[in-house]
Amino acid sequence: TPAEQAQAVASLPREDCLDVDDFEERYQQAVEAHRQEVQRKAQERQQG
């Protein structure tokens, strides 16, 4: 029901909601952090 969804969304902390102004920025930051982590691990493997 729509009421169940409204209740589930209302129970979310505001920072966990998707309808925030920096939604795209958060996504891009997560992608970049993952890319850097992959790069760091690759460098560690190259060093032996």
ModelCIF file with pLDDT and N, C-alpha, C, O atoms, coordinates in Angstrom:
data_MODEL
#
_entry.id   MODEL 
#
_entity.id                         1 
_entity.type                       polymer 
_entity.pdbx_number_of_molecules   1 
#
_entity_poly.entity_id                      1 
_entity_poly.type                           'polypeptide(L)' 
_entity_poly.nstd_linkage                   no 
_entity_poly.nstd_monomer                   no 
_entity_poly.pdbx_seq_one_letter_code       TPAEQAQAVASLPREDCLDVDDFEERYQQAVEAHRQEVQRKAQERQQG 
_entity_poly.pdbx_seq_one_letter_code_can   TPAEQAQAVASLPREDCLDVDDFEERYQQAVEAHRQEVQRKAQERQQG 
_entity_poly.pdbx_strand_id                 A 
#
loop_
_entity_poly_seq.entity_id 
_entity_poly_seq.num 
_entity_poly_seq.mon_id 
_entity_poly_seq.hetero 
1 1  THR n 
1 2  PRO n 
1 3  ALA n 
1 4  GLU n 
1 5  GLN n 
1 6  ALA n 
1 7  GLN n 
1 8  ALA n 
1 9  VAL n 
1 10 ALA n 
1 11 SER n 
1 12 LEU n 
1 13 PRO n 
1 14 ARG n 
1 15 GLU n 
1 16 ASP n 
1 17 CYS n 
1 18 LEU n 
1 19 ASP n 
1 20 VAL n 
1 21 ASP n 
1 22 ASP n 
1 23 PHE n 
1 24 GLU n 
1 25 GLU n 
1 26 ARG n 
1 27 TYR n 
1 28 GLN n 
1 29 GLN n 
1 30 ALA n 
1 31 VAL n 
1 32 GLU n 
1 33 ALA n 
1 34 HIS n 
1 35 ARG n 
1 36 GLN n 
1 37 GLU n 
1 38 VAL n 
1 39 GLN n 
1 40 ARG n 
1 41 LYS n 
1 42 ALA n 
1 43 GLN n 
1 44 GLU n 
1 45 ARG n 
1 46 GLN n 
1 47 GLN n 
1 48 GLY n 
#
_struct_asym.id          A 
_struct_asym.entity_id   1 
#
loop_
_ma_qa_metric.id 
_ma_qa_metric.mode 
_ma_qa_metric.name 
_ma_qa_metric.software_group_id 
_ma_qa_metric.type 
1 global pLDDT . pLDDT 
2 local  pLDDT . pLDDT 
#
_ma_qa_metric_global.metric_id      1 
_ma_qa_metric_global.metric_value   88.73 
_ma_qa_metric_global.model_id       1 
_ma_qa_metric_global.ordinal_id     1 
#
loop_
_ma_qa_metric_local.label_asym_id 
_ma_qa_metric_local.label_comp_id 
_ma_qa_metric_local.label_seq_id 
_ma_qa_metric_local.metric_id 
_ma_qa_metric_local.metric_value 
_ma_qa_metric_local.model_id 
_ma_qa_metric_local.ordinal_id 
A THR 1  2 87.00 1 1  
A PRO 2  2 86.00 1 2  
A ALA 3  2 88.00 1 3  
A GLU 4  2 90.00 1 4  
A GLN 5  2 87.00 1 5  
A ALA 6  2 87.00 1 6  
A GLN 7  2 91.00 1 7  
A ALA 8  2 90.00 1 8  
A VAL 9  2 88.00 1 9  
A ALA 10 2 90.00 1 10 
A SER 11 2 92.00 1 11 
A LEU 12 2 90.00 1 12 
A PRO 13 2 90.00 1 13 
A ARG 14 2 86.00 1 14 
A GLU 15 2 85.00 1 15 
A ASP 16 2 87.00 1 16 
A CYS 17 2 85.00 1 17 
A LEU 18 2 86.00 1 18 
A ASP 19 2 83.00 1 19 
A VAL 20 2 81.00 1 20 
A ASP 21 2 83.00 1 21 
A ASP 22 2 86.00 1 22 
A PHE 23 2 86.00 1 23 
A GLU 24 2 87.00 1 24 
A GLU 25 2 90.00 1 25 
A ARG 26 2 90.00 1 26 
A TYR 27 2 90.00 1 27 
A GLN 28 2 92.00 1 28 
A GLN 29 2 93.00 1 29 
A ALA 30 2 93.00 1 30 
A VAL 31 2 92.00 1 31 
A GLU 32 2 94.00 1 32 
A ALA 33 2 95.00 1 33 
A HIS 34 2 94.00 1 34 
A ARG 35 2 94.00 1 35 
A GLN 36 2 95.00 1 36 
A GLU 37 2 94.00 1 37 
A VAL 38 2 93.00 1 38 
A GLN 39 2 93.00 1 39 
A ARG 40 2 92.00 1 40 
A LYS 41 2 90.00 1 41 
A ALA 42 2 90.00 1 42 
A GLN 43 2 89.00 1 43 
A GLU 44 2 85.00 1 44 
A ARG 45 2 85.00 1 45 
A GLN 46 2 86.00 1 46 
A GLN 47 2 84.00 1 47 
A GLY 48 2 75.00 1 48 
#
loop_
_atom_site.group_PDB 
_atom_site.id 
_atom_site.type_symbol 
_atom_site.label_atom_id 
_atom_site.label_alt_id 
_atom_site.label_comp_id 
_atom_site.label_asym_id 
_atom_site.label_entity_id 
_atom_site.label_seq_id 
_atom_site.pdbx_PDB_ins_code 
_atom_site.Cartn_x 
_atom_site.Cartn_y 
_atom_site.Cartn_z 
_atom_site.occupancy 
_atom_site.B_iso_or_equiv 
_atom_site.pdbx_formal_charge 
_atom_site.auth_seq_id 
_atom_site.auth_comp_id 
_atom_site.auth_asym_id 
_atom_site.auth_atom_id 
_atom_site.pdbx_PDB_model_num 
ATOM 1   N N  . THR A 1 1  ? 0.852  -1.196 0.000  1.00 87.00 ? 1  THR A N  1 
ATOM 2   C CA . THR A 1 1  ? 0.000  0.000  0.000  1.00 87.00 ? 1  THR A CA 1 
ATOM 3   C C  . THR A 1 1  ? 0.888  1.245  0.000  1.00 87.00 ? 1  THR A C  1 
ATOM 4   O O  . THR A 1 1  ? 2.038  1.184  0.434  1.00 87.00 ? 1  THR A O  1 
ATOM 5   N N  . PRO A 1 2  ? 0.367  2.364  -0.478 1.00 86.00 ? 2  PRO A N  1 
ATOM 6   C CA . PRO A 1 2  ? 1.132  3.619  -0.387 1.00 86.00 ? 2  PRO A CA 1 
ATOM 7   C C  . PRO A 1 2  ? 1.443  3.997  1.060  1.00 86.00 ? 2  PRO A C  1 
ATOM 8   O O  . PRO A 1 2  ? 2.485  4.593  1.334  1.00 86.00 ? 2  PRO A O  1 
ATOM 9   N N  . ALA A 1 3  ? 0.554  3.659  1.980  1.00 88.00 ? 3  ALA A N  1 
ATOM 10  C CA . ALA A 1 3  ? 0.786  3.986  3.395  1.00 88.00 ? 3  ALA A CA 1 
ATOM 11  C C  . ALA A 1 3  ? 2.005  3.246  3.937  1.00 88.00 ? 3  ALA A C  1 
ATOM 12  O O  . ALA A 1 3  ? 2.765  3.804  4.729  1.00 88.00 ? 3  ALA A O  1 
ATOM 13  N N  . GLU A 1 4  ? 2.198  1.992  3.517  1.00 90.00 ? 4  GLU A N  1 
ATOM 14  C CA . GLU A 1 4  ? 3.380  1.235  3.962  1.00 90.00 ? 4  GLU A CA 1 
ATOM 15  C C  . GLU A 1 4  ? 4.657  1.905  3.478  1.00 90.00 ? 4  GLU A C  1 
ATOM 16  O O  . GLU A 1 4  ? 5.630  2.005  4.226  1.00 90.00 ? 4  GLU A O  1 
ATOM 17  N N  . GLN A 1 5  ? 4.658  2.364  2.230  1.00 87.00 ? 5  GLN A N  1 
ATOM 18  C CA . GLN A 1 5  ? 5.840  3.042  1.718  1.00 87.00 ? 5  GLN A CA 1 
ATOM 19  C C  . GLN A 1 5  ? 6.080  4.341  2.480  1.00 87.00 ? 5  GLN A C  1 
ATOM 20  O O  . GLN A 1 5  ? 7.216  4.643  2.846  1.00 87.00 ? 5  GLN A O  1 
ATOM 21  N N  . ALA A 1 6  ? 5.027  5.104  2.721  1.00 87.00 ? 6  ALA A N  1 
ATOM 22  C CA . ALA A 1 6  ? 5.164  6.371  3.453  1.00 87.00 ? 6  ALA A CA 1 
ATOM 23  C C  . ALA A 1 6  ? 5.738  6.134  4.842  1.00 87.00 ? 6  ALA A C  1 
ATOM 24  O O  . ALA A 1 6  ? 6.566  6.910  5.319  1.00 87.00 ? 6  ALA A O  1 
ATOM 25  N N  . GLN A 1 7  ? 5.299  5.065  5.486  1.00 91.00 ? 7  GLN A N  1 
ATOM 26  C CA . GLN A 1 7  ? 5.808  4.747  6.825  1.00 91.00 ? 7  GLN A CA 1 
ATOM 27  C C  . GLN A 1 7  ? 7.287  4.364  6.761  1.00 91.00 ? 7  GLN A C  1 
ATOM 28  O O  . GLN A 1 7  ? 8.073  4.798  7.603  1.00 91.00 ? 7  GLN A O  1 
ATOM 29  N N  . ALA A 1 8  ? 7.673  3.556  5.769  1.00 90.00 ? 8  ALA A N  1 
ATOM 30  C CA . ALA A 1 8  ? 9.074  3.140  5.626  1.00 90.00 ? 8  ALA A CA 1 
ATOM 31  C C  . ALA A 1 8  ? 9.974  4.346  5.341  1.00 90.00 ? 8  ALA A C  1 
ATOM 32  O O  . ALA A 1 8  ? 11.070 4.449  5.891  1.00 90.00 ? 8  ALA A O  1 
ATOM 33  N N  . VAL A 1 9  ? 9.519  5.237  4.501  1.00 88.00 ? 9  VAL A N  1 
ATOM 34  C CA . VAL A 1 9  ? 10.314 6.423  4.162  1.00 88.00 ? 9  VAL A CA 1 
ATOM 35  C C  . VAL A 1 9  ? 10.397 7.357  5.365  1.00 88.00 ? 9  VAL A C  1 
ATOM 36  O O  . VAL A 1 9  ? 11.453 7.932  5.626  1.00 88.00 ? 9  VAL A O  1 
ATOM 37  N N  . ALA A 1 10 ? 9.295  7.515  6.102  1.00 90.00 ? 10 ALA A N  1 
ATOM 38  C CA . ALA A 1 10 ? 9.283  8.396  7.273  1.00 90.00 ? 10 ALA A CA 1 
ATOM 39  C C  . ALA A 1 10 ? 10.243 7.910  8.358  1.00 90.00 ? 10 ALA A C  1 
ATOM 40  O O  . ALA A 1 10 ? 10.733 8.713  9.152  1.00 90.00 ? 10 ALA A O  1 
ATOM 41  N N  . SER A 1 11 ? 10.513 6.611  8.399  1.00 92.00 ? 11 SER A N  1 
ATOM 42  C CA . SER A 1 11 ? 11.403 6.073  9.432  1.00 92.00 ? 11 SER A CA 1 
ATOM 43  C C  . SER A 1 11 ? 12.889 6.236  9.082  1.00 92.00 ? 11 SER A C  1 
ATOM 44  O O  . SER A 1 11 ? 13.757 5.952  9.907  1.00 92.00 ? 11 SER A O  1 
ATOM 45  N N  . LEU A 1 12 ? 13.175 6.691  7.863  1.00 90.00 ? 12 LEU A N  1 
ATOM 46  C CA . LEU A 1 12 ? 14.573 6.883  7.447  1.00 90.00 ? 12 LEU A CA 1 
ATOM 47  C C  . LEU A 1 12 ? 15.155 8.156  8.044  1.00 90.00 ? 12 LEU A C  1 
ATOM 48  O O  . LEU A 1 12 ? 14.470 9.177  8.109  1.00 90.00 ? 12 LEU A O  1 
ATOM 49  N N  . PRO A 1 13 ? 16.403 8.111  8.478  1.00 90.00 ? 13 PRO A N  1 
ATOM 50  C CA . PRO A 1 13 ? 17.066 9.373  8.826  1.00 90.00 ? 13 PRO A CA 1 
ATOM 51  C C  . PRO A 1 13 ? 17.164 10.234 7.563  1.00 90.00 ? 13 PRO A C  1 
ATOM 52  O O  . PRO A 1 13 ? 17.347 9.702  6.468  1.00 90.00 ? 13 PRO A O  1 
ATOM 53  N N  . ARG A 1 14 ? 17.047 11.517 7.700  1.00 86.00 ? 14 ARG A N  1 
ATOM 54  C CA . ARG A 1 14 ? 17.042 12.417 6.533  1.00 86.00 ? 14 ARG A CA 1 
ATOM 55  C C  . ARG A 1 14 ? 18.276 12.217 5.653  1.00 86.00 ? 14 ARG A C  1 
ATOM 56  O O  . ARG A 1 14 ? 18.169 12.292 4.429  1.00 86.00 ? 14 ARG A O  1 
ATOM 57  N N  . GLU A 1 15 ? 19.432 11.967 6.242  1.00 85.00 ? 15 GLU A N  1 
ATOM 58  C CA . GLU A 1 15 ? 20.660 11.817 5.440  1.00 85.00 ? 15 GLU A CA 1 
ATOM 59  C C  . GLU A 1 15 ? 20.666 10.532 4.605  1.00 85.00 ? 15 GLU A C  1 
ATOM 60  O O  . GLU A 1 15 ? 21.476 10.395 3.689  1.00 85.00 ? 15 GLU A O  1 
ATOM 61  N N  . ASP A 1 16 ? 19.778 9.601  4.913  1.00 87.00 ? 16 ASP A N  1 
ATOM 62  C CA . ASP A 1 16 ? 19.684 8.361  4.135  1.00 87.00 ? 16 ASP A CA 1 
ATOM 63  C C  . ASP A 1 16 ? 18.674 8.442  2.999  1.00 87.00 ? 16 ASP A C  1 
ATOM 64  O O  . ASP A 1 16 ? 18.534 7.498  2.221  1.00 87.00 ? 16 ASP A O  1 
ATOM 65  N N  . CYS A 1 17 ? 17.974 9.560  2.902  1.00 85.00 ? 17 CYS A N  1 
ATOM 66  C CA . CYS A 1 17 ? 16.984 9.721  1.840  1.00 85.00 ? 17 CYS A CA 1 
ATOM 67  C C  . CYS A 1 17 ? 17.664 10.021 0.507  1.00 85.00 ? 17 CYS A C  1 
ATOM 68  O O  . CYS A 1 17 ? 18.768 10.562 0.456  1.00 85.00 ? 17 CYS A O  1 
ATOM 69  N N  . LEU A 1 18 ? 16.981 9.659  -0.553 1.00 86.00 ? 18 LEU A N  1 
ATOM 70  C CA . LEU A 1 18 ? 17.519 9.889  -1.887 1.00 86.00 ? 18 LEU A CA 1 
ATOM 71  C C  . LEU A 1 18 ? 17.194 11.281 -2.415 1.00 86.00 ? 18 LEU A C  1 
ATOM 72  O O  . LEU A 1 18 ? 17.885 11.785 -3.301 1.00 86.00 ? 18 LEU A O  1 
ATOM 73  N N  . ASP A 1 19 ? 16.161 11.897 -1.884 1.00 83.00 ? 19 ASP A N  1 
ATOM 74  C CA . ASP A 1 19 ? 15.748 13.205 -2.387 1.00 83.00 ? 19 ASP A CA 1 
ATOM 75  C C  . ASP A 1 19 ? 16.473 14.341 -1.671 1.00 83.00 ? 19 ASP A C  1 
ATOM 76  O O  . ASP A 1 19 ? 15.847 15.246 -1.120 1.00 83.00 ? 19 ASP A O  1 
ATOM 77  N N  . VAL A 1 20 ? 17.780 14.277 -1.689 1.00 81.00 ? 20 VAL A N  1 
ATOM 78  C CA . VAL A 1 20 ? 18.616 15.325 -1.120 1.00 81.00 ? 20 VAL A CA 1 
ATOM 79  C C  . VAL A 1 20 ? 19.329 16.040 -2.257 1.00 81.00 ? 20 VAL A C  1 
ATOM 80  O O  . VAL A 1 20 ? 19.535 15.471 -3.329 1.00 81.00 ? 20 VAL A O  1 
ATOM 81  N N  . ASP A 1 21 ? 19.702 17.279 -2.018 1.00 83.00 ? 21 ASP A N  1 
ATOM 82  C CA . ASP A 1 21 ? 20.297 18.101 -3.080 1.00 83.00 ? 21 ASP A CA 1 
ATOM 83  C C  . ASP A 1 21 ? 21.603 17.537 -3.616 1.00 83.00 ? 21 ASP A C  1 
ATOM 84  O O  . ASP A 1 21 ? 21.909 17.697 -4.797 1.00 83.00 ? 21 ASP A O  1 
ATOM 85  N N  . ASP A 1 22 ? 22.377 16.877 -2.755 1.00 86.00 ? 22 ASP A N  1 
ATOM 86  C CA . ASP A 1 22 ? 23.694 16.400 -3.188 1.00 86.00 ? 22 ASP A CA 1 
ATOM 87  C C  . ASP A 1 22 ? 23.688 14.916 -3.583 1.00 86.00 ? 22 ASP A C  1 
ATOM 88  O O  . ASP A 1 22 ? 24.714 14.244 -3.487 1.00 86.00 ? 22 ASP A O  1 
ATOM 89  N N  . PHE A 1 23 ? 22.538 14.410 -4.024 1.00 86.00 ? 23 PHE A N  1 
ATOM 90  C CA . PHE A 1 23 ? 22.408 13.001 -4.389 1.00 86.00 ? 23 PHE A CA 1 
ATOM 91  C C  . PHE A 1 23 ? 23.425 12.599 -5.454 1.00 86.00 ? 23 PHE A C  1 
ATOM 92  O O  . PHE A 1 23 ? 24.125 11.600 -5.291 1.00 86.00 ? 23 PHE A O  1 
ATOM 93  N N  . GLU A 1 24 ? 23.516 13.363 -6.538 1.00 87.00 ? 24 GLU A N  1 
ATOM 94  C CA . GLU A 1 24 ? 24.463 13.067 -7.620 1.00 87.00 ? 24 GLU A CA 1 
ATOM 95  C C  . GLU A 1 24 ? 25.899 13.174 -7.119 1.00 87.00 ? 24 GLU A C  1 
ATOM 96  O O  . GLU A 1 24 ? 26.736 12.340 -7.464 1.00 87.00 ? 24 GLU A O  1 
ATOM 97  N N  . GLU A 1 25 ? 26.190 14.177 -6.320 1.00 90.00 ? 25 GLU A N  1 
ATOM 98  C CA . GLU A 1 25 ? 27.548 14.352 -5.789 1.00 90.00 ? 25 GLU A CA 1 
ATOM 99  C C  . GLU A 1 25 ? 27.948 13.169 -4.918 1.00 90.00 ? 25 GLU A C  1 
ATOM 100 O O  . GLU A 1 25 ? 29.077 12.687 -5.009 1.00 90.00 ? 25 GLU A O  1 
ATOM 101 N N  . ARG A 1 26 ? 27.038 12.699 -4.079 1.00 90.00 ? 26 ARG A N  1 
ATOM 102 C CA . ARG A 1 26 ? 27.334 11.541 -3.226 1.00 90.00 ? 26 ARG A CA 1 
ATOM 103 C C  . ARG A 1 26 ? 27.644 10.310 -4.084 1.00 90.00 ? 26 ARG A C  1 
ATOM 104 O O  . ARG A 1 26 ? 28.565 9.549  -3.791 1.00 90.00 ? 26 ARG A O  1 
ATOM 105 N N  . TYR A 1 27 ? 26.866 10.135 -5.136 1.00 90.00 ? 27 TYR A N  1 
ATOM 106 C CA . TYR A 1 27 ? 27.114 9.003  -6.034 1.00 90.00 ? 27 TYR A CA 1 
ATOM 107 C C  . TYR A 1 27 ? 28.499 9.131  -6.661 1.00 90.00 ? 27 TYR A C  1 
ATOM 108 O O  . TYR A 1 27 ? 29.272 8.174  -6.654 1.00 90.00 ? 27 TYR A O  1 
ATOM 109 N N  . GLN A 1 28 ? 28.816 10.301 -7.199 1.00 92.00 ? 28 GLN A N  1 
ATOM 110 C CA . GLN A 1 28 ? 30.115 10.505 -7.849 1.00 92.00 ? 28 GLN A CA 1 
ATOM 111 C C  . GLN A 1 28 ? 31.263 10.329 -6.856 1.00 92.00 ? 28 GLN A C  1 
ATOM 112 O O  . GLN A 1 28 ? 32.306 9.785  -7.218 1.00 92.00 ? 28 GLN A O  1 
ATOM 113 N N  . GLN A 1 29 ? 31.093 10.775 -5.625 1.00 93.00 ? 29 GLN A N  1 
ATOM 114 C CA . GLN A 1 29 ? 32.115 10.595 -4.595 1.00 93.00 ? 29 GLN A CA 1 
ATOM 115 C C  . GLN A 1 29 ? 32.333 9.118  -4.283 1.00 93.00 ? 29 GLN A C  1 
ATOM 116 O O  . GLN A 1 29 ? 33.471 8.680  -4.111 1.00 93.00 ? 29 GLN A O  1 
ATOM 117 N N  . ALA A 1 30 ? 31.250 8.349  -4.209 1.00 93.00 ? 30 ALA A N  1 
ATOM 118 C CA . ALA A 1 30 ? 31.363 6.911  -3.937 1.00 93.00 ? 30 ALA A CA 1 
ATOM 119 C C  . ALA A 1 30 ? 32.082 6.210  -5.081 1.00 93.00 ? 30 ALA A C  1 
ATOM 120 O O  . ALA A 1 30 ? 32.916 5.336  -4.844 1.00 93.00 ? 30 ALA A O  1 
ATOM 121 N N  . VAL A 1 31 ? 31.769 6.584  -6.321 1.00 92.00 ? 31 VAL A N  1 
ATOM 122 C CA . VAL A 1 31 ? 32.443 5.986  -7.483 1.00 92.00 ? 31 VAL A CA 1 
ATOM 123 C C  . VAL A 1 31 ? 33.934 6.324  -7.447 1.00 92.00 ? 31 VAL A C  1 
ATOM 124 O O  . VAL A 1 31 ? 34.773 5.455  -7.682 1.00 92.00 ? 31 VAL A O  1 
ATOM 125 N N  . GLU A 1 32 ? 34.261 7.577  -7.154 1.00 94.00 ? 32 GLU A N  1 
ATOM 126 C CA . GLU A 1 32 ? 35.664 8.004  -7.112 1.00 94.00 ? 32 GLU A CA 1 
ATOM 127 C C  . GLU A 1 32 ? 36.415 7.317  -5.973 1.00 94.00 ? 32 GLU A C  1 
ATOM 128 O O  . GLU A 1 32 ? 37.557 6.896  -6.157 1.00 94.00 ? 32 GLU A O  1 
ATOM 129 N N  . ALA A 1 33 ? 35.796 7.198  -4.807 1.00 95.00 ? 33 ALA A N  1 
ATOM 130 C CA . ALA A 1 33 ? 36.446 6.524  -3.679 1.00 95.00 ? 33 ALA A CA 1 
ATOM 131 C C  . ALA A 1 33 ? 36.729 5.068  -4.025 1.00 95.00 ? 33 ALA A C  1 
ATOM 132 O O  . ALA A 1 33 ? 37.788 4.547  -3.675 1.00 95.00 ? 33 ALA A O  1 
ATOM 133 N N  . HIS A 1 34 ? 35.806 4.409  -4.703 1.00 94.00 ? 34 HIS A N  1 
ATOM 134 C CA . HIS A 1 34 ? 36.015 3.025  -5.116 1.00 94.00 ? 34 HIS A CA 1 
ATOM 135 C C  . HIS A 1 34 ? 37.155 2.939  -6.136 1.00 94.00 ? 34 HIS A C  1 
ATOM 136 O O  . HIS A 1 34 ? 38.001 2.049  -6.049 1.00 94.00 ? 34 HIS A O  1 
ATOM 137 N N  . ARG A 1 35 ? 37.178 3.860  -7.099 1.00 94.00 ? 35 ARG A N  1 
ATOM 138 C CA . ARG A 1 35 ? 38.238 3.862  -8.108 1.00 94.00 ? 35 ARG A CA 1 
ATOM 139 C C  . ARG A 1 35 ? 39.604 4.025  -7.445 1.00 94.00 ? 35 ARG A C  1 
ATOM 140 O O  . ARG A 1 35 ? 40.562 3.346  -7.816 1.00 94.00 ? 35 ARG A O  1 
ATOM 141 N N  . GLN A 1 36 ? 39.694 4.918  -6.472 1.00 95.00 ? 36 GLN A N  1 
ATOM 142 C CA . GLN A 1 36 ? 40.967 5.135  -5.771 1.00 95.00 ? 36 GLN A CA 1 
ATOM 143 C C  . GLN A 1 36 ? 41.377 3.906  -4.966 1.00 95.00 ? 36 GLN A C  1 
ATOM 144 O O  . GLN A 1 36 ? 42.560 3.571  -4.905 1.00 95.00 ? 36 GLN A O  1 
ATOM 145 N N  . GLU A 1 37 ? 40.410 3.236  -4.352 1.00 94.00 ? 37 GLU A N  1 
ATOM 146 C CA . GLU A 1 37 ? 40.709 2.026  -3.583 1.00 94.00 ? 37 GLU A CA 1 
ATOM 147 C C  . GLU A 1 37 ? 41.221 0.909  -4.501 1.00 94.00 ? 37 GLU A C  1 
ATOM 148 O O  . GLU A 1 37 ? 42.168 0.202  -4.156 1.00 94.00 ? 37 GLU A O  1 
ATOM 149 N N  . VAL A 1 38 ? 40.599 0.758  -5.654 1.00 93.00 ? 38 VAL A N  1 
ATOM 150 C CA . VAL A 1 38 ? 41.048 -0.245 -6.624 1.00 93.00 ? 38 VAL A CA 1 
ATOM 151 C C  . VAL A 1 38 ? 42.463 0.088  -7.082 1.00 93.00 ? 38 VAL A C  1 
ATOM 152 O O  . VAL A 1 38 ? 43.308 -0.800 -7.196 1.00 93.00 ? 38 VAL A O  1 
ATOM 153 N N  . GLN A 1 39 ? 42.716 1.349  -7.340 1.00 93.00 ? 39 GLN A N  1 
ATOM 154 C CA . GLN A 1 39 ? 44.055 1.779  -7.780 1.00 93.00 ? 39 GLN A CA 1 
ATOM 155 C C  . GLN A 1 39 ? 45.098 1.529  -6.685 1.00 93.00 ? 39 GLN A C  1 
ATOM 156 O O  . GLN A 1 39 ? 46.206 1.079  -6.977 1.00 93.00 ? 39 GLN A O  1 
ATOM 157 N N  . ARG A 1 40 ? 44.747 1.821  -5.426 1.00 92.00 ? 40 ARG A N  1 
ATOM 158 C CA . ARG A 1 40 ? 45.664 1.589  -4.311 1.00 92.00 ? 40 ARG A CA 1 
ATOM 159 C C  . ARG A 1 40 ? 46.007 0.106  -4.181 1.00 92.00 ? 40 ARG A C  1 
ATOM 160 O O  . ARG A 1 40 ? 47.169 -0.253 -3.989 1.00 92.00 ? 40 ARG A O  1 
ATOM 161 N N  . LYS A 1 41 ? 44.998 -0.749 -4.286 1.00 90.00 ? 41 LYS A N  1 
ATOM 162 C CA . LYS A 1 41 ? 45.236 -2.185 -4.176 1.00 90.00 ? 41 LYS A CA 1 
ATOM 163 C C  . LYS A 1 41 ? 46.092 -2.695 -5.332 1.00 90.00 ? 41 LYS A C  1 
ATOM 164 O O  . LYS A 1 41 ? 46.932 -3.575 -5.140 1.00 90.00 ? 41 LYS A O  1 
ATOM 165 N N  . ALA A 1 42 ? 45.886 -2.154 -6.515 1.00 90.00 ? 42 ALA A N  1 
ATOM 166 C CA . ALA A 1 42 ? 46.697 -2.562 -7.671 1.00 90.00 ? 42 ALA A CA 1 
ATOM 167 C C  . ALA A 1 42 ? 48.156 -2.175 -7.455 1.00 90.00 ? 42 ALA A C  1 
ATOM 168 O O  . ALA A 1 42 ? 49.057 -2.941 -7.797 1.00 90.00 ? 42 ALA A O  1 
ATOM 169 N N  . GLN A 1 43 ? 48.391 -1.009 -6.899 1.00 89.00 ? 43 GLN A N  1 
ATOM 170 C CA . GLN A 1 43 ? 49.764 -0.578 -6.625 1.00 89.00 ? 43 GLN A CA 1 
ATOM 171 C C  . GLN A 1 43 ? 50.411 -1.470 -5.580 1.00 89.00 ? 43 GLN A C  1 
ATOM 172 O O  . GLN A 1 43 ? 51.591 -1.802 -5.695 1.00 89.00 ? 43 GLN A O  1 
ATOM 173 N N  . GLU A 1 44 ? 49.658 -1.861 -4.567 1.00 85.00 ? 44 GLU A N  1 
ATOM 174 C CA . GLU A 1 44 ? 50.188 -2.765 -3.539 1.00 85.00 ? 44 GLU A CA 1 
ATOM 175 C C  . GLU A 1 44 ? 50.576 -4.109 -4.153 1.00 85.00 ? 44 GLU A C  1 
ATOM 176 O O  . GLU A 1 44 ? 51.612 -4.677 -3.807 1.00 85.00 ? 44 GLU A O  1 
ATOM 177 N N  . ARG A 1 45 ? 49.751 -4.612 -5.057 1.00 85.00 ? 45 ARG A N  1 
ATOM 178 C CA . ARG A 1 45 ? 50.067 -5.898 -5.699 1.00 85.00 ? 45 ARG A CA 1 
ATOM 179 C C  . ARG A 1 45 ? 51.321 -5.789 -6.553 1.00 85.00 ? 45 ARG A C  1 
ATOM 180 O O  . ARG A 1 45 ? 52.109 -6.733 -6.614 1.00 85.00 ? 45 ARG A O  1 
ATOM 181 N N  . GLN A 1 46 ? 51.517 -4.664 -7.207 1.00 86.00 ? 46 GLN A N  1 
ATOM 182 C CA . GLN A 1 46 ? 52.706 -4.475 -8.046 1.00 86.00 ? 46 GLN A CA 1 
ATOM 183 C C  . GLN A 1 46 ? 53.971 -4.411 -7.209 1.00 86.00 ? 46 GLN A C  1 
ATOM 184 O O  . GLN A 1 46 ? 55.042 -4.804 -7.672 1.00 86.00 ? 46 GLN A O  1 
ATOM 185 N N  . GLN A 1 47 ? 53.860 -3.920 -5.987 1.00 84.00 ? 47 GLN A N  1 
ATOM 186 C CA . GLN A 1 47 ? 55.029 -3.820 -5.112 1.00 84.00 ? 47 GLN A CA 1 
ATOM 187 C C  . GLN A 1 47 ? 55.415 -5.160 -4.513 1.00 84.00 ? 47 GLN A C  1 
ATOM 188 O O  . GLN A 1 47 ? 56.482 -5.296 -3.915 1.00 84.00 ? 47 GLN A O  1 
ATOM 189 N N  . GLY A 1 48 ? 54.558 -6.136 -4.671 1.00 75.00 ? 48 GLY A N  1 
ATOM 190 C CA . GLY A 1 48 ? 54.847 -7.464 -4.138 1.00 75.00 ? 48 GLY A CA 1 
ATOM 191 C C  . GLY A 1 48 ? 54.354 -7.614 -2.715 1.00 75.00 ? 48 GLY A C  1 
ATOM 192 O O  . GLY A 1 48 ? 54.518 -8.675 -2.113 1.00 75.00 ? 48 GLY A O  1 
#
